[in-house]
Amino acid sequence: MATTTLYGIPNCDTVKRARAWLTERGVPHAFHDFKKAGVPAAHLGAWIAAQGWEKVLNRKGTMWRKLDPAVQARVVDAASARAVMLEQASTIKRPVVEWADGTITVGFDEADWLTRV
């Protein structure tokens, strides 16, 4: 049986809320910690294919703002965004969820999530 997997960083407030939300609703799920286990490269490609690199890349986050402007300027397409996200996991919008049905969402949207449980 497929399981829902939530990807993120444990100290991220949005990830904490999302994990609690799933637990409160009894949704069985696994947590993949980017800090400990890294970003799974094959999965990142699937996330980009499903949601688009512009949605997966978090240009509003602290890590993005800390990047060298030259690195930021080089991000112009899926391949360049993927390279940055693999190198700096904190540039990925969180959480990324691979739902048991195979769909992928990025970010915590309670209204959308309610349709999935």
C-alpha atoms as a PDB file:
ATOM      1  CA  MET A   1       0.000   0.000   0.000  1.00  0.00           C
ATOM      2  CA  ALA A   2       1.341   3.418  -0.963  1.00  0.00           C
ATOM      3  CA  THR A   3       1.958   5.921   1.772  1.00  0.00           C
ATOM      4  CA  THR A   4       1.973   9.699   1.874  1.00  0.00           C
ATOM      5  CA  THR A   5       5.441  11.210   2.249  1.00  0.00           C
ATOM      6  CA  LEU A   6       6.013  14.737   3.477  1.00  0.00           C
ATOM      7  CA  TYR A   7       9.376  16.301   2.592  1.00  0.00           C
ATOM      8  CA  GLY A   8      10.840  19.250   4.424  1.00  0.00           C
ATOM      9  CA  ILE A   9      12.871  20.573   7.293  1.00  0.00           C
ATOM     10  CA  PRO A  10      11.733  19.731  10.830  1.00  0.00           C
ATOM     11  CA  ASN A  11      12.171  23.231  12.284  1.00  0.00           C
ATOM     12  CA  CYS A  12      10.111  24.912   9.517  1.00  0.00           C
ATOM     13  CA  ASP A  13       6.858  26.221  11.019  1.00  0.00           C
ATOM     14  CA  THR A  14       4.858  25.339   7.901  1.00  0.00           C
ATOM     15  CA  VAL A  15       6.225  21.791   7.943  1.00  0.00           C
ATOM     16  CA  LYS A  16       5.353  21.485  11.632  1.00  0.00           C
ATOM     17  CA  ARG A  17       1.771  22.625  10.937  1.00  0.00           C
ATOM     18  CA  ALA A  18       1.468  20.266   7.969  1.00  0.00           C
ATOM     19  CA  ARG A  19       2.756  17.269   9.921  1.00  0.00           C
ATOM     20  CA  ALA A  20       0.384  18.031  12.797  1.00  0.00           C
ATOM     21  CA  TRP A  21      -2.504  18.444  10.344  1.00  0.00           C
ATOM     22  CA  LEU A  22      -1.877  15.004   8.814  1.00  0.00           C
ATOM     23  CA  THR A  23      -1.504  13.389  12.240  1.00  0.00           C
ATOM     24  CA  GLU A  24      -4.692  15.018  13.588  1.00  0.00           C
ATOM     25  CA  ARG A  25      -6.633  13.598  10.638  1.00  0.00           C
ATOM     26  CA  GLY A  26      -5.135  10.143  10.984  1.00  0.00           C
ATOM     27  CA  VAL A  27      -3.358  10.260   7.625  1.00  0.00           C
ATOM     28  CA  PRO A  28      -0.505   7.747   7.733  1.00  0.00           C
ATOM     29  CA  HIS A  29       2.618   9.436   6.465  1.00  0.00           C
ATOM     30  CA  ALA A  30       6.377   9.321   6.463  1.00  0.00           C
ATOM     31  CA  PHE A  31       8.614  12.342   6.957  1.00  0.00           C
ATOM     32  CA  HIS A  32      11.725  12.880   4.847  1.00  0.00           C
ATOM     33  CA  ASP A  33      14.097  15.344   6.489  1.00  0.00           C
ATOM     34  CA  PHE A  34      16.108  17.300   3.910  1.00  0.00           C
ATOM     35  CA  LYS A  35      18.709  18.165   6.546  1.00  0.00           C
ATOM     36  CA  LYS A  36      19.429  14.542   7.457  1.00  0.00           C
ATOM     37  CA  ALA A  37      18.610  12.617   4.285  1.00  0.00           C
ATOM     38  CA  GLY A  38      19.175  15.243   1.602  1.00  0.00           C
ATOM     39  CA  VAL A  39      17.027  16.001  -1.395  1.00  0.00           C
ATOM     40  CA  PRO A  40      16.194  12.867  -3.397  1.00  0.00           C
ATOM     41  CA  ALA A  41      17.294  13.877  -6.907  1.00  0.00           C
ATOM     42  CA  ALA A  42      14.872  11.580  -8.743  1.00  0.00           C
ATOM     43  CA  HIS A  43      11.956  12.873  -6.695  1.00  0.00           C
ATOM     44  CA  LEU A  44      12.952  16.507  -7.276  1.00  0.00           C
ATOM     45  CA  GLY A  45      12.622  15.906 -11.006  1.00  0.00           C
ATOM     46  CA  ALA A  46       9.112  14.514 -10.486  1.00  0.00           C
ATOM     47  CA  TRP A  47       8.152  17.514  -8.317  1.00  0.00           C
ATOM     48  CA  ILE A  48       9.354  19.925 -10.988  1.00  0.00           C
ATOM     49  CA  ALA A  49       7.527  17.971 -13.697  1.00  0.00           C
ATOM     50  CA  ALA A  50       4.300  17.958 -11.656  1.00  0.00           C
ATOM     51  CA  GLN A  51       4.305  21.495 -10.281  1.00  0.00           C
ATOM     52  CA  GLY A  52       6.806  23.485 -12.363  1.00  0.00           C
ATOM     53  CA  TRP A  53      10.189  24.704 -11.178  1.00  0.00           C
ATOM     54  CA  GLU A  54       8.821  28.186 -10.457  1.00  0.00           C
ATOM     55  CA  LYS A  55       6.486  26.748  -7.809  1.00  0.00           C
ATOM     56  CA  VAL A  56       8.982  24.322  -6.274  1.00  0.00           C
ATOM     57  CA  LEU A  57      11.727  26.959  -5.964  1.00  0.00           C
ATOM     58  CA  ASN A  58      11.054  29.248  -2.998  1.00  0.00           C
ATOM     59  CA  ARG A  59      12.264  32.686  -4.095  1.00  0.00           C
ATOM     60  CA  LYS A  60      10.655  34.312  -1.047  1.00  0.00           C
ATOM     61  CA  GLY A  61      12.592  32.368   1.565  1.00  0.00           C
ATOM     62  CA  THR A  62      15.577  33.367   3.651  1.00  0.00           C
ATOM     63  CA  MET A  63      17.938  30.928   1.927  1.00  0.00           C
ATOM     64  CA  TRP A  64      17.125  32.348  -1.510  1.00  0.00           C
ATOM     65  CA  ARG A  65      17.772  35.888  -0.280  1.00  0.00           C
ATOM     66  CA  LYS A  66      21.114  34.748   1.168  1.00  0.00           C
ATOM     67  CA  LEU A  67      22.291  33.299  -2.134  1.00  0.00           C
ATOM     68  CA  ASP A  68      24.849  35.242  -4.108  1.00  0.00           C
ATOM     69  CA  PRO A  69      23.059  37.459  -6.669  1.00  0.00           C
ATOM     70  CA  ALA A  70      25.106  35.807  -9.422  1.00  0.00           C
ATOM     71  CA  VAL A  71      23.716  32.389  -8.397  1.00  0.00           C
ATOM     72  CA  GLN A  72      20.193  33.787  -8.320  1.00  0.00           C
ATOM     73  CA  ALA A  73      20.650  35.297 -11.788  1.00  0.00           C
ATOM     74  CA  ARG A  74      21.699  31.915 -13.203  1.00  0.00           C
ATOM     75  CA  VAL A  75      18.343  30.358 -12.296  1.00  0.00           C
ATOM     76  CA  VAL A  76      16.452  30.714 -15.561  1.00  0.00           C
ATOM     77  CA  ASP A  77      14.945  27.287 -16.234  1.00  0.00           C
ATOM     78  CA  ALA A  78      14.162  23.909 -14.698  1.00  0.00           C
ATOM     79  CA  ALA A  79      17.722  22.603 -15.005  1.00  0.00           C
ATOM     80  CA  SER A  80      19.353  25.607 -13.329  1.00  0.00           C
ATOM     81  CA  ALA A  81      16.686  25.709 -10.605  1.00  0.00           C
ATOM     82  CA  ARG A  82      17.135  21.984  -9.984  1.00  0.00           C
ATOM     83  CA  ALA A  83      20.885  22.443  -9.537  1.00  0.00           C
ATOM     84  CA  VAL A  84      20.371  25.154  -6.910  1.00  0.00           C
ATOM     85  CA  MET A  85      17.692  23.142  -5.080  1.00  0.00           C
ATOM     86  CA  LEU A  86      19.926  20.069  -4.938  1.00  0.00           C
ATOM     87  CA  GLU A  87      22.755  22.155  -3.529  1.00  0.00           C
ATOM     88  CA  GLN A  88      20.609  24.197  -1.141  1.00  0.00           C
ATOM     89  CA  ALA A  89      17.608  22.188   0.086  1.00  0.00           C
ATOM     90  CA  SER A  90      16.248  25.218   1.917  1.00  0.00           C
ATOM     91  CA  THR A  91      15.444  26.841  -1.430  1.00  0.00           C
ATOM     92  CA  ILE A  92      12.662  24.283  -1.948  1.00  0.00           C
ATOM     93  CA  LYS A  93       9.202  25.496  -1.007  1.00  0.00           C
ATOM     94  CA  ARG A  94       7.925  23.414   1.880  1.00  0.00           C
ATOM     95  CA  PRO A  95       6.392  21.059   2.439  1.00  0.00           C
ATOM     96  CA  VAL A  96       6.439  18.919  -0.653  1.00  0.00           C
ATOM     97  CA  VAL A  97       3.978  16.059  -0.312  1.00  0.00           C
ATOM     98  CA  GLU A  98       3.823  12.912  -2.379  1.00  0.00           C
ATOM     99  CA  TRP A  99       0.307  11.699  -1.640  1.00  0.00           C
ATOM    100  CA  ALA A 100      -0.577   8.026  -1.491  1.00  0.00           C
ATOM    101  CA  ASP A 101      -2.493   8.398  -4.773  1.00  0.00           C
ATOM    102  CA  GLY A 102       0.664   9.585  -6.540  1.00  0.00           C
ATOM    103  CA  THR A 103      -0.156  13.279  -6.747  1.00  0.00           C
ATOM    104  CA  ILE A 104       2.336  15.902  -5.626  1.00  0.00           C
ATOM    105  CA  THR A 105       1.644  19.181  -3.848  1.00  0.00           C
ATOM    106  CA  VAL A 106       3.955  21.981  -2.830  1.00  0.00           C
ATOM    107  CA  GLY A 107       3.215  24.149   0.186  1.00  0.00           C
ATOM    108  CA  PHE A 108       0.517  23.755   2.815  1.00  0.00           C
ATOM    109  CA  ASP A 109      -2.957  24.573   1.517  1.00  0.00           C
ATOM    110  CA  GLU A 110      -5.516  23.233   3.977  1.00  0.00           C
ATOM    111  CA  ALA A 111      -8.457  23.633   1.597  1.00  0.00           C
ATOM    112  CA  ASP A 112      -6.672  21.592  -1.063  1.00  0.00           C
ATOM    113  CA  TRP A 113      -5.455  19.034   1.431  1.00  0.00           C
ATOM    114  CA  LEU A 114      -8.997  18.465   2.712  1.00  0.00           C
ATOM    115  CA  THR A 115      -9.897  17.140  -0.747  1.00  0.00           C
ATOM    116  CA  ARG A 116      -7.094  14.565  -0.471  1.00  0.00           C
ATOM    117  CA  VAL A 117      -7.911  12.904   2.861  1.00  0.00           C
END
